[in-house]
């Protein structure tokens, strides 16, 4: 069974990406060739994979841990639905999740 995520890029274009259970959301976006920096490679050591989770999906993902909160504190344009995409493992429950890449600086 195939799974997907919807990603709105920096230009406002929506992409439907194939998603693999067990990969992080960041890995799925990066592997699809979208413009996501993810400088630290998913180690929660930067905020370059910052995204905004679709409001209807917030309650379906785990809350940020202390390390992620610390990195988000250093990011720009933080919103209540801000997350680091490297810290969200894709699961079957997230099939169809929608997120928007945060602006780059």
PDB file of N, CA and C in Angstrom:
ATOM      1  N   UNK A   1       0.838  -1.179   0.000  1.00  0.00           N
ATOM      2  CA  UNK A   1       0.000   0.000   0.000  1.00  0.00           C
ATOM      3  C   UNK A   1       0.884   1.245   0.000  1.00  0.00           C
ATOM      4  N   UNK A   2       0.601   2.175  -0.887  1.00  0.00           N
ATOM      5  CA  UNK A   2       1.435   3.374  -0.951  1.00  0.00           C
ATOM      6  C   UNK A   2       0.858   4.473  -0.051  1.00  0.00           C
ATOM      7  N   UNK A   3       1.767   5.288   0.438  1.00  0.00           N
ATOM      8  CA  UNK A   3       1.412   6.393   1.323  1.00  0.00           C
ATOM      9  C   UNK A   3       1.945   7.678   0.703  1.00  0.00           C
ATOM     10  N   UNK A   4       1.309   8.791   1.066  1.00  0.00           N
ATOM     11  CA  UNK A   4       1.750  10.079   0.526  1.00  0.00           C
ATOM     12  C   UNK A   4       1.742  11.159   1.604  1.00  0.00           C
ATOM     13  N   UNK A   5       2.513  12.206   1.321  1.00  0.00           N
ATOM     14  CA  UNK A   5       2.431  13.449   2.084  1.00  0.00           C
ATOM     15  C   UNK A   5       2.260  14.574   1.072  1.00  0.00           C
ATOM     16  N   UNK A   6       1.654  15.674   1.506  1.00  0.00           N
ATOM     17  CA  UNK A   6       1.499  16.862   0.659  1.00  0.00           C
ATOM     18  C   UNK A   6       2.401  17.947   1.220  1.00  0.00           C
ATOM     19  N   UNK A   7       3.250  18.485   0.361  1.00  0.00           N
ATOM     20  CA  UNK A   7       4.195  19.515   0.779  1.00  0.00           C
ATOM     21  C   UNK A   7       3.983  20.751  -0.080  1.00  0.00           C
ATOM     22  N   UNK A   8       3.806  21.888   0.583  1.00  0.00           N
ATOM     23  CA  UNK A   8       3.712  23.162  -0.119  1.00  0.00           C
ATOM     24  C   UNK A   8       5.086  23.802  -0.038  1.00  0.00           C
ATOM     25  N   UNK A   9       5.688  24.034  -1.212  1.00  0.00           N
ATOM     26  CA  UNK A   9       7.068  24.530  -1.252  1.00  0.00           C
ATOM     27  C   UNK A   9       7.140  26.045  -1.038  1.00  0.00           C
ATOM     28  N   UNK A  10       8.345  26.592  -1.150  1.00  0.00           N
ATOM     29  CA  UNK A  10       8.583  28.014  -0.914  1.00  0.00           C
ATOM     30  C   UNK A  10       7.858  28.912  -1.908  1.00  0.00           C
ATOM     31  N   UNK A  11       7.481  28.373  -3.052  1.00  0.00           N
ATOM     32  CA  UNK A  11       6.761  29.146  -4.071  1.00  0.00           C
ATOM     33  C   UNK A  11       5.252  28.955  -3.984  1.00  0.00           C
ATOM     34  N   UNK A  12       4.782  28.195  -2.989  1.00  0.00           N
ATOM     35  CA  UNK A  12       3.363  27.965  -2.821  1.00  0.00           C
ATOM     36  C   UNK A  12       2.817  26.825  -3.660  1.00  0.00           C
ATOM     37  N   UNK A  13       3.702  26.093  -4.333  1.00  0.00           N
ATOM     38  CA  UNK A  13       3.271  24.958  -5.165  1.00  0.00           C
ATOM     39  C   UNK A  13       3.122  23.717  -4.293  1.00  0.00           C
ATOM     40  N   UNK A  14       2.027  22.978  -4.511  1.00  0.00           N
ATOM     41  CA  UNK A  14       1.783  21.753  -3.746  1.00  0.00           C
ATOM     42  C   UNK A  14       2.363  20.546  -4.472  1.00  0.00           C
ATOM     43  N   UNK A  15       3.041  19.705  -3.710  1.00  0.00           N
ATOM     44  CA  UNK A  15       3.634  18.472  -4.236  1.00  0.00           C
ATOM     45  C   UNK A  15       3.070  17.298  -3.455  1.00  0.00           C
ATOM     46  N   UNK A  16       2.668  16.257  -4.136  1.00  0.00           N
ATOM     47  CA  UNK A  16       2.254  15.025  -3.481  1.00  0.00           C
ATOM     48  C   UNK A  16       3.422  14.049  -3.609  1.00  0.00           C
ATOM     49  N   UNK A  17       3.974  13.654  -2.470  1.00  0.00           N
ATOM     50  CA  UNK A  17       5.170  12.822  -2.462  1.00  0.00           C
ATOM     51  C   UNK A  17       4.864  11.429  -1.930  1.00  0.00           C
ATOM     52  N   UNK A  18       5.495  10.435  -2.538  1.00  0.00           N
ATOM     53  CA  UNK A  18       5.415   9.082  -1.985  1.00  0.00           C
ATOM     54  C   UNK A  18       6.160   9.073  -0.655  1.00  0.00           C
ATOM     55  N   UNK A  19       5.576   8.414   0.331  1.00  0.00           N
ATOM     56  CA  UNK A  19       6.166   8.402   1.665  1.00  0.00           C
ATOM     57  C   UNK A  19       6.375   6.970   2.135  1.00  0.00           C
ATOM     58  N   UNK A  20       7.513   6.737   2.781  1.00  0.00           N
ATOM     59  CA  UNK A  20       7.859   5.423   3.292  1.00  0.00           C
ATOM     60  C   UNK A  20       7.787   5.429   4.810  1.00  0.00           C
ATOM     61  N   UNK A  21       7.032   4.501   5.372  1.00  0.00           N
ATOM     62  CA  UNK A  21       6.930   4.371   6.823  1.00  0.00           C
ATOM     63  C   UNK A  21       8.332   4.154   7.394  1.00  0.00           C
ATOM     64  N   UNK A  22       8.629   4.887   8.477  1.00  0.00           N
ATOM     65  CA  UNK A  22       9.921   4.772   9.135  1.00  0.00           C
ATOM     66  C   UNK A  22      10.905   5.857   8.752  1.00  0.00           C
ATOM     67  N   UNK A  23      10.716   6.492   7.595  1.00  0.00           N
ATOM     68  CA  UNK A  23      11.561   7.617   7.210  1.00  0.00           C
ATOM     69  C   UNK A  23      11.049   8.865   7.933  1.00  0.00           C
ATOM     70  N   UNK A  24      11.926   9.841   8.149  1.00  0.00           N
ATOM     71  CA  UNK A  24      11.448  11.108   8.700  1.00  0.00           C
ATOM     72  C   UNK A  24      10.795  11.904   7.570  1.00  0.00           C
ATOM     73  N   UNK A  25       9.932  12.831   7.957  1.00  0.00           N
ATOM     74  CA  UNK A  25       9.296  13.705   6.966  1.00  0.00           C
ATOM     75  C   UNK A  25      10.378  14.446   6.171  1.00  0.00           C
ATOM     76  N   UNK A  26      11.436  14.895   6.854  1.00  0.00           N
ATOM     77  CA  UNK A  26      12.535  15.593   6.173  1.00  0.00           C
ATOM     78  C   UNK A  26      13.169  14.709   5.112  1.00  0.00           C
ATOM     79  N   UNK A  27      13.433  13.446   5.429  1.00  0.00           N
ATOM     80  CA  UNK A  27      14.057  12.537   4.461  1.00  0.00           C
ATOM     81  C   UNK A  27      13.178  12.359   3.230  1.00  0.00           C
ATOM     82  N   UNK A  28      11.880  12.269   3.443  1.00  0.00           N
ATOM     83  CA  UNK A  28      10.944  12.112   2.327  1.00  0.00           C
ATOM     84  C   UNK A  28      10.997  13.336   1.424  1.00  0.00           C
ATOM     85  N   UNK A  29      10.997  14.519   2.024  1.00  0.00           N
ATOM     86  CA  UNK A  29      11.044  15.769   1.251  1.00  0.00           C
ATOM     87  C   UNK A  29      12.378  15.892   0.518  1.00  0.00           C
ATOM     88  N   UNK A  30      13.467  15.638   1.221  1.00  0.00           N
ATOM     89  CA  UNK A  30      14.813  15.733   0.631  1.00  0.00           C
ATOM     90  C   UNK A  30      14.978  14.737  -0.511  1.00  0.00           C
ATOM     91  N   UNK A  31      14.568  13.497  -0.285  1.00  0.00           N
ATOM     92  CA  UNK A  31      14.736  12.457  -1.296  1.00  0.00           C
ATOM     93  C   UNK A  31      13.894  12.715  -2.538  1.00  0.00           C
ATOM     94  N   UNK A  32      12.828  13.507  -2.395  1.00  0.00           N
ATOM     95  CA  UNK A  32      11.987  13.859  -3.543  1.00  0.00           C
ATOM     96  C   UNK A  32      12.584  15.016  -4.336  1.00  0.00           C
ATOM     97  N   UNK A  33      13.662  15.609  -3.817  1.00  0.00           N
ATOM     98  CA  UNK A  33      14.343  16.681  -4.535  1.00  0.00           C
ATOM     99  C   UNK A  33      13.783  18.071  -4.293  1.00  0.00           C
ATOM    100  N   UNK A  34      12.922  18.216  -3.281  1.00  0.00           N
ATOM    101  CA  UNK A  34      12.407  19.548  -2.982  1.00  0.00           C
ATOM    102  C   UNK A  34      13.470  20.371  -2.259  1.00  0.00           C
ATOM    103  N   UNK A  35      13.273  21.673  -2.258  1.00  0.00           N
ATOM    104  CA  UNK A  35      14.253  22.607  -1.712  1.00  0.00           C
ATOM    105  C   UNK A  35      14.143  22.690  -0.192  1.00  0.00           C
ATOM    106  N   UNK A  36      14.767  21.727   0.486  1.00  0.00           N
ATOM    107  CA  UNK A  36      14.852  21.737   1.945  1.00  0.00           C
ATOM    108  C   UNK A  36      16.327  21.580   2.288  1.00  0.00           C
ATOM    109  N   UNK A  37      16.831  22.479   3.134  1.00  0.00           N
ATOM    110  CA  UNK A  37      18.272  22.450   3.411  1.00  0.00           C
ATOM    111  C   UNK A  37      18.676  21.251   4.251  1.00  0.00           C
ATOM    112  N   UNK A  38      18.089  21.121   5.430  1.00  0.00           N
ATOM    113  CA  UNK A  38      18.416  20.004   6.321  1.00  0.00           C
ATOM    114  C   UNK A  38      19.924  19.845   6.481  1.00  0.00           C
ATOM    115  N   UNK A  39      20.579  20.937   6.826  1.00  0.00           N
ATOM    116  CA  UNK A  39      22.040  20.989   6.898  1.00  0.00           C
ATOM    117  C   UNK A  39      22.630  19.917   7.815  1.00  0.00           C
ATOM    118  N   UNK A  40      21.987  19.658   8.962  1.00  0.00           N
ATOM    119  CA  UNK A  40      22.564  18.704   9.920  1.00  0.00           C
ATOM    120  C   UNK A  40      22.242  17.259   9.564  1.00  0.00           C
ATOM    121  N   UNK A  41      21.451  17.048   8.533  1.00  0.00           N
ATOM    122  CA  UNK A  41      21.140  15.685   8.100  1.00  0.00           C
ATOM    123  C   UNK A  41      20.125  14.960   8.961  1.00  0.00           C
ATOM    124  N   UNK A  42      19.441  15.687   9.822  1.00  0.00           N
ATOM    125  CA  UNK A  42      18.399  15.060  10.637  1.00  0.00           C
ATOM    126  C   UNK A  42      18.779  14.821  12.075  1.00  0.00           C
ATOM    127  N   UNK A  43      19.836  15.472  12.537  1.00  0.00           N
ATOM    128  CA  UNK A  43      20.332  15.268  13.904  1.00  0.00           C
ATOM    129  C   UNK A  43      19.735  16.233  14.923  1.00  0.00           C
ATOM    130  N   UNK A  44      18.776  17.045  14.511  1.00  0.00           N
ATOM    131  CA  UNK A  44      18.159  18.045  15.386  1.00  0.00           C
ATOM    132  C   UNK A  44      19.211  19.027  15.899  1.00  0.00           C
ATOM    133  N   UNK A  45      20.134  19.416  15.012  1.00  0.00           N
ATOM    134  CA  UNK A  45      21.211  20.336  15.385  1.00  0.00           C
ATOM    135  C   UNK A  45      21.142  21.650  14.609  1.00  0.00           C
ATOM    136  N   UNK A  46      20.056  21.853  13.859  1.00  0.00           N
ATOM    137  CA  UNK A  46      19.846  23.109  13.152  1.00  0.00           C
ATOM    138  C   UNK A  46      18.332  23.270  12.992  1.00  0.00           C
ATOM    139  N   UNK A  47      17.883  24.268  12.316  1.00  0.00           N
ATOM    140  CA  UNK A  47      16.435  24.443  12.112  1.00  0.00           C
ATOM    141  C   UNK A  47      16.125  24.628  10.627  1.00  0.00           C
ATOM    142  N   UNK A  48      16.993  24.095   9.764  1.00  0.00           N
ATOM    143  CA  UNK A  48      16.829  24.329   8.327  1.00  0.00           C
ATOM    144  C   UNK A  48      15.810  23.401   7.673  1.00  0.00           C
ATOM    145  N   UNK A  49      15.168  22.551   8.453  1.00  0.00           N
ATOM    146  CA  UNK A  49      14.074  21.723   7.926  1.00  0.00           C
ATOM    147  C   UNK A  49      12.743  22.135   8.560  1.00  0.00           C
ATOM    148  N   UNK A  50      12.711  23.370   9.068  1.00  0.00           N
ATOM    149  CA  UNK A  50      11.527  23.931   9.713  1.00  0.00           C
ATOM    150  C   UNK A  50      10.335  23.911   8.755  1.00  0.00           C
ATOM    151  N   UNK A  51       9.201  23.476   9.260  1.00  0.00           N
ATOM    152  CA  UNK A  51       7.982  23.456   8.449  1.00  0.00           C
ATOM    153  C   UNK A  51       6.783  23.774   9.336  1.00  0.00           C
ATOM    154  N   UNK A  52       5.664  24.014   8.685  1.00  0.00           N
ATOM    155  CA  UNK A  52       4.397  24.251   9.371  1.00  0.00           C
ATOM    156  C   UNK A  52       3.474  23.070   9.082  1.00  0.00           C
ATOM    157  N   UNK A  53       3.032  22.418  10.122  1.00  0.00           N
ATOM    158  CA  UNK A  53       2.155  21.257   9.984  1.00  0.00           C
ATOM    159  C   UNK A  53       0.721  21.736   9.789  1.00  0.00           C
ATOM    160  N   UNK A  54       0.010  21.106   8.859  1.00  0.00           N
ATOM    161  CA  UNK A  54      -1.403  21.423   8.665  1.00  0.00           C
ATOM    162  C   UNK A  54      -2.154  21.282   9.981  1.00  0.00           C
ATOM    163  N   UNK A  55      -2.981  22.274  10.284  1.00  0.00           N
ATOM    164  CA  UNK A  55      -3.670  22.329  11.583  1.00  0.00           C
ATOM    165  C   UNK A  55      -4.379  21.018  11.946  1.00  0.00           C
ATOM    166  N   UNK A  56      -4.991  20.373  10.966  1.00  0.00           N
ATOM    167  CA  UNK A  56      -5.749  19.151  11.254  1.00  0.00           C
ATOM    168  C   UNK A  56      -4.861  17.966  11.608  1.00  0.00           C
ATOM    169  N   UNK A  57      -3.542  18.124  11.447  1.00  0.00           N
ATOM    170  CA  UNK A  57      -2.597  17.038  11.714  1.00  0.00           C
ATOM    171  C   UNK A  57      -1.828  17.206  13.023  1.00  0.00           C
ATOM    172  N   UNK A  58      -1.917  18.366  13.637  1.00  0.00           N
ATOM    173  CA  UNK A  58      -1.119  18.658  14.840  1.00  0.00           C
ATOM    174  C   UNK A  58      -1.312  17.603  15.932  1.00  0.00           C
ATOM    175  N   UNK A  59      -2.544  17.216  16.180  1.00  0.00           N
ATOM    176  CA  UNK A  59      -2.825  16.263  17.265  1.00  0.00           C
ATOM    177  C   UNK A  59      -2.428  14.832  16.925  1.00  0.00           C
ATOM    178  N   UNK A  60      -2.053  14.582  15.680  1.00  0.00           N
ATOM    179  CA  UNK A  60      -1.697  13.222  15.265  1.00  0.00           C
ATOM    180  C   UNK A  60      -0.192  12.950  15.364  1.00  0.00           C
ATOM    181  N   UNK A  61       0.582  14.004  15.639  1.00  0.00           N
ATOM    182  CA  UNK A  61       2.029  13.817  15.765  1.00  0.00           C
ATOM    183  C   UNK A  61       2.456  14.074  17.208  1.00  0.00           C
ATOM    184  N   UNK A  62       3.574  13.505  17.574  1.00  0.00           N
ATOM    185  CA  UNK A  62       4.074  13.695  18.935  1.00  0.00           C
ATOM    186  C   UNK A  62       4.474  15.156  19.151  1.00  0.00           C
ATOM    187  N   UNK A  63       4.483  15.565  20.399  1.00  0.00           N
ATOM    188  CA  UNK A  63       4.898  16.932  20.715  1.00  0.00           C
ATOM    189  C   UNK A  63       6.427  17.024  20.638  1.00  0.00           C
ATOM    190  N   UNK A  64       6.944  18.214  20.361  1.00  0.00           N
ATOM    191  CA  UNK A  64       8.406  18.369  20.260  1.00  0.00           C
ATOM    192  C   UNK A  64       9.092  18.070  21.596  1.00  0.00           C
ATOM    193  N   UNK A  65      10.254  17.418  21.529  1.00  0.00           N
ATOM    194  CA  UNK A  65      11.024  17.199  22.752  1.00  0.00           C
ATOM    195  C   UNK A  65      11.866  18.444  23.039  1.00  0.00           C
ATOM    196  N   UNK A  66      12.631  18.416  24.129  1.00  0.00           N
ATOM    197  CA  UNK A  66      13.412  19.589  24.539  1.00  0.00           C
ATOM    198  C   UNK A  66      14.428  20.017  23.487  1.00  0.00           C
ATOM    199  N   UNK A  67      15.081  19.042  22.823  1.00  0.00           N
ATOM    200  CA  UNK A  67      16.070  19.377  21.799  1.00  0.00           C
ATOM    201  C   UNK A  67      15.418  20.100  20.629  1.00  0.00           C
ATOM    202  N   UNK A  68      14.271  19.606  20.195  1.00  0.00           N
ATOM    203  CA  UNK A  68      13.582  20.251  19.078  1.00  0.00           C
ATOM    204  C   UNK A  68      13.091  21.642  19.483  1.00  0.00           C
ATOM    205  N   UNK A  69      12.547  21.767  20.681  1.00  0.00           N
ATOM    206  CA  UNK A  69      12.100  23.082  21.169  1.00  0.00           C
ATOM    207  C   UNK A  69      13.251  24.076  21.165  1.00  0.00           C
ATOM    208  N   UNK A  70      14.428  23.615  21.591  1.00  0.00           N
ATOM    209  CA  UNK A  70      15.608  24.475  21.628  1.00  0.00           C
ATOM    210  C   UNK A  70      15.992  24.958  20.229  1.00  0.00           C
ATOM    211  N   UNK A  71      15.947  24.058  19.254  1.00  0.00           N
ATOM    212  CA  UNK A  71      16.267  24.430  17.869  1.00  0.00           C
ATOM    213  C   UNK A  71      15.197  25.358  17.287  1.00  0.00           C
ATOM    214  N   UNK A  72      13.939  25.096  17.585  1.00  0.00           N
ATOM    215  CA  UNK A  72      12.862  25.963  17.090  1.00  0.00           C
ATOM    216  C   UNK A  72      12.988  27.373  17.658  1.00  0.00           C
ATOM    217  N   UNK A  73      13.508  27.483  18.887  1.00  0.00           N
ATOM    218  CA  UNK A  73      13.712  28.805  19.487  1.00  0.00           C
ATOM    219  C   UNK A  73      14.691  29.646  18.675  1.00  0.00           C
ATOM    220  N   UNK A  74      15.528  28.998  17.875  1.00  0.00           N
ATOM    221  CA  UNK A  74      16.521  29.709  17.066  1.00  0.00           C
ATOM    222  C   UNK A  74      16.056  29.939  15.628  1.00  0.00           C
ATOM    223  N   UNK A  75      14.891  29.414  15.279  1.00  0.00           N
ATOM    224  CA  UNK A  75      14.370  29.539  13.914  1.00  0.00           C
ATOM    225  C   UNK A  75      13.612  30.853  13.753  1.00  0.00           C
ATOM    226  N   UNK A  76      13.375  31.234  12.506  1.00  0.00           N
ATOM    227  CA  UNK A  76      12.616  32.434  12.182  1.00  0.00           C
ATOM    228  C   UNK A  76      11.169  32.062  11.866  1.00  0.00           C
ATOM    229  N   UNK A  77      10.283  33.041  12.000  1.00  0.00           N
ATOM    230  CA  UNK A  77       8.873  32.864  11.634  1.00  0.00           C
ATOM    231  C   UNK A  77       8.221  31.654  12.294  1.00  0.00           C
ATOM    232  N   UNK A  78       8.456  31.501  13.579  1.00  0.00           N
ATOM    233  CA  UNK A  78       7.868  30.400  14.332  1.00  0.00           C
ATOM    234  C   UNK A  78       6.366  30.644  14.496  1.00  0.00           C
ATOM    235  N   UNK A  79       5.607  29.571  14.315  1.00  0.00           N
ATOM    236  CA  UNK A  79       4.159  29.597  14.529  1.00  0.00           C
ATOM    237  C   UNK A  79       3.812  28.460  15.478  1.00  0.00           C
ATOM    238  N   UNK A  80       2.564  28.428  15.926  1.00  0.00           N
ATOM    239  CA  UNK A  80       2.175  27.370  16.864  1.00  0.00           C
ATOM    240  C   UNK A  80       2.241  25.981  16.235  1.00  0.00           C
ATOM    241  N   UNK A  81       2.207  25.913  14.909  1.00  0.00           N
ATOM    242  CA  UNK A  81       2.289  24.620  14.223  1.00  0.00           C
ATOM    243  C   UNK A  81       3.679  24.366  13.620  1.00  0.00           C
ATOM    244  N   UNK A  82       4.687  25.104  14.104  1.00  0.00           N
ATOM    245  CA  UNK A  82       6.063  24.905  13.636  1.00  0.00           C
ATOM    246  C   UNK A  82       6.635  23.600  14.185  1.00  0.00           C
ATOM    247  N   UNK A  83       7.330  22.887  13.320  1.00  0.00           N
ATOM    248  CA  UNK A  83       8.045  21.683  13.719  1.00  0.00           C
ATOM    249  C   UNK A  83       9.293  21.552  12.856  1.00  0.00           C
ATOM    250  N   UNK A  84      10.230  20.739  13.330  1.00  0.00           N
ATOM    251  CA  UNK A  84      11.377  20.354  12.516  1.00  0.00           C
ATOM    252  C   UNK A  84      10.996  19.041  11.852  1.00  0.00           C
ATOM    253  N   UNK A  85      11.009  19.031  10.530  1.00  0.00           N
ATOM    254  CA  UNK A  85      10.532  17.843   9.812  1.00  0.00           C
ATOM    255  C   UNK A  85      11.415  16.624  10.046  1.00  0.00           C
ATOM    256  N   UNK A  86      12.663  16.829  10.473  1.00  0.00           N
ATOM    257  CA  UNK A  86      13.541  15.692  10.757  1.00  0.00           C
ATOM    258  C   UNK A  86      13.130  14.945  12.019  1.00  0.00           C
ATOM    259  N   UNK A  87      12.306  15.575  12.832  1.00  0.00           N
ATOM    260  CA  UNK A  87      11.910  14.979  14.107  1.00  0.00           C
ATOM    261  C   UNK A  87      10.531  14.323  14.070  1.00  0.00           C
ATOM    262  N   UNK A  88       9.964  14.216  12.867  1.00  0.00           N
ATOM    263  CA  UNK A  88       8.654  13.583  12.723  1.00  0.00           C
ATOM    264  C   UNK A  88       8.803  12.322  11.885  1.00  0.00           C
ATOM    265  N   UNK A  89       8.779  11.161  12.525  1.00  0.00           N
ATOM    266  CA  UNK A  89       8.842   9.924  11.756  1.00  0.00           C
ATOM    267  C   UNK A  89       7.513   9.696  11.045  1.00  0.00           C
ATOM    268  N   UNK A  90       7.591   9.326   9.761  1.00  0.00           N
ATOM    269  CA  UNK A  90       6.368   9.057   9.021  1.00  0.00           C
ATOM    270  C   UNK A  90       5.813   7.710   9.435  1.00  0.00           C
ATOM    271  N   UNK A  91       4.500   7.682   9.687  1.00  0.00           N
ATOM    272  CA  UNK A  91       3.803   6.440  10.037  1.00  0.00           C
ATOM    273  C   UNK A  91       2.530   6.362   9.202  1.00  0.00           C
ATOM    274  N   UNK A  92       1.908   5.198   9.208  1.00  0.00           N
ATOM    275  CA  UNK A  92       0.669   5.021   8.447  1.00  0.00           C
ATOM    276  C   UNK A  92      -0.402   6.017   8.880  1.00  0.00           C
ATOM    277  N   UNK A  93      -0.390   6.389  10.164  1.00  0.00           N
ATOM    278  CA  UNK A  93      -1.371   7.341  10.680  1.00  0.00           C
ATOM    279  C   UNK A  93      -1.199   8.731  10.068  1.00  0.00           C
ATOM    280  N   UNK A  94      -0.034   9.009   9.508  1.00  0.00           N
ATOM    281  CA  UNK A  94       0.234  10.320   8.914  1.00  0.00           C
ATOM    282  C   UNK A  94       0.042  10.329   7.400  1.00  0.00           C
ATOM    283  N   UNK A  95      -0.504   9.249   6.853  1.00  0.00           N
ATOM    284  CA  UNK A  95      -0.748   9.184   5.413  1.00  0.00           C
ATOM    285  C   UNK A  95      -1.632  10.357   4.999  1.00  0.00           C
ATOM    286  N   UNK A  96      -1.136  11.162   4.066  1.00  0.00           N
ATOM    287  CA  UNK A  96      -1.875  12.322   3.575  1.00  0.00           C
ATOM    288  C   UNK A  96      -1.582  13.614   4.308  1.00  0.00           C
ATOM    289  N   UNK A  97      -0.685  13.586   5.297  1.00  0.00           N
ATOM    290  CA  UNK A  97      -0.363  14.797   6.055  1.00  0.00           C
ATOM    291  C   UNK A  97       0.026  15.937   5.103  1.00  0.00           C
ATOM    292  N   UNK A  98      -0.388  17.131   5.475  1.00  0.00           N
ATOM    293  CA  UNK A  98      -0.058  18.320   4.696  1.00  0.00           C
ATOM    294  C   UNK A  98       0.844  19.218   5.531  1.00  0.00           C
ATOM    295  N   UNK A  99       1.906  19.727   4.909  1.00  0.00           N
ATOM    296  CA  UNK A  99       2.787  20.662   5.583  1.00  0.00           C
ATOM    297  C   UNK A  99       3.343  21.671   4.593  1.00  0.00           C
ATOM    298  N   UNK A 100       3.787  22.784   5.126  1.00  0.00           N
ATOM    299  CA  UNK A 100       4.341  23.866   4.319  1.00  0.00           C
ATOM    300  C   UNK A 100       5.772  24.124   4.758  1.00  0.00           C
ATOM    301  N   UNK A 101       6.680  24.224   3.810  1.00  0.00           N
ATOM    302  CA  UNK A 101       8.074  24.546   4.145  1.00  0.00           C
ATOM    303  C   UNK A 101       8.136  25.988   4.630  1.00  0.00           C
ATOM    304  N   UNK A 102       8.826  26.205   5.740  1.00  0.00           N
ATOM    305  CA  UNK A 102       8.979  27.556   6.274  1.00  0.00           C
ATOM    306  C   UNK A 102       9.912  28.360   5.359  1.00  0.00           C
ATOM    307  N   UNK A 103       9.761  29.695   5.376  1.00  0.00           N
ATOM    308  CA  UNK A 103      10.636  30.519   4.524  1.00  0.00           C
ATOM    309  C   UNK A 103      12.110  30.328   4.864  1.00  0.00           C
ATOM    310  N   UNK A 104      12.960  30.410   3.839  1.00  0.00           N
ATOM    311  CA  UNK A 104      14.406  30.313   4.055  1.00  0.00           C
ATOM    312  C   UNK A 104      14.949  31.700   4.309  1.00  0.00           C
ATOM    313  N   UNK A 105      16.047  31.761   5.068  1.00  0.00           N
ATOM    314  CA  UNK A 105      16.702  33.050   5.341  1.00  0.00           C
ATOM    315  C   UNK A 105      18.151  32.983   4.987  1.00  0.00           C
TER     316      UNK A 105
END
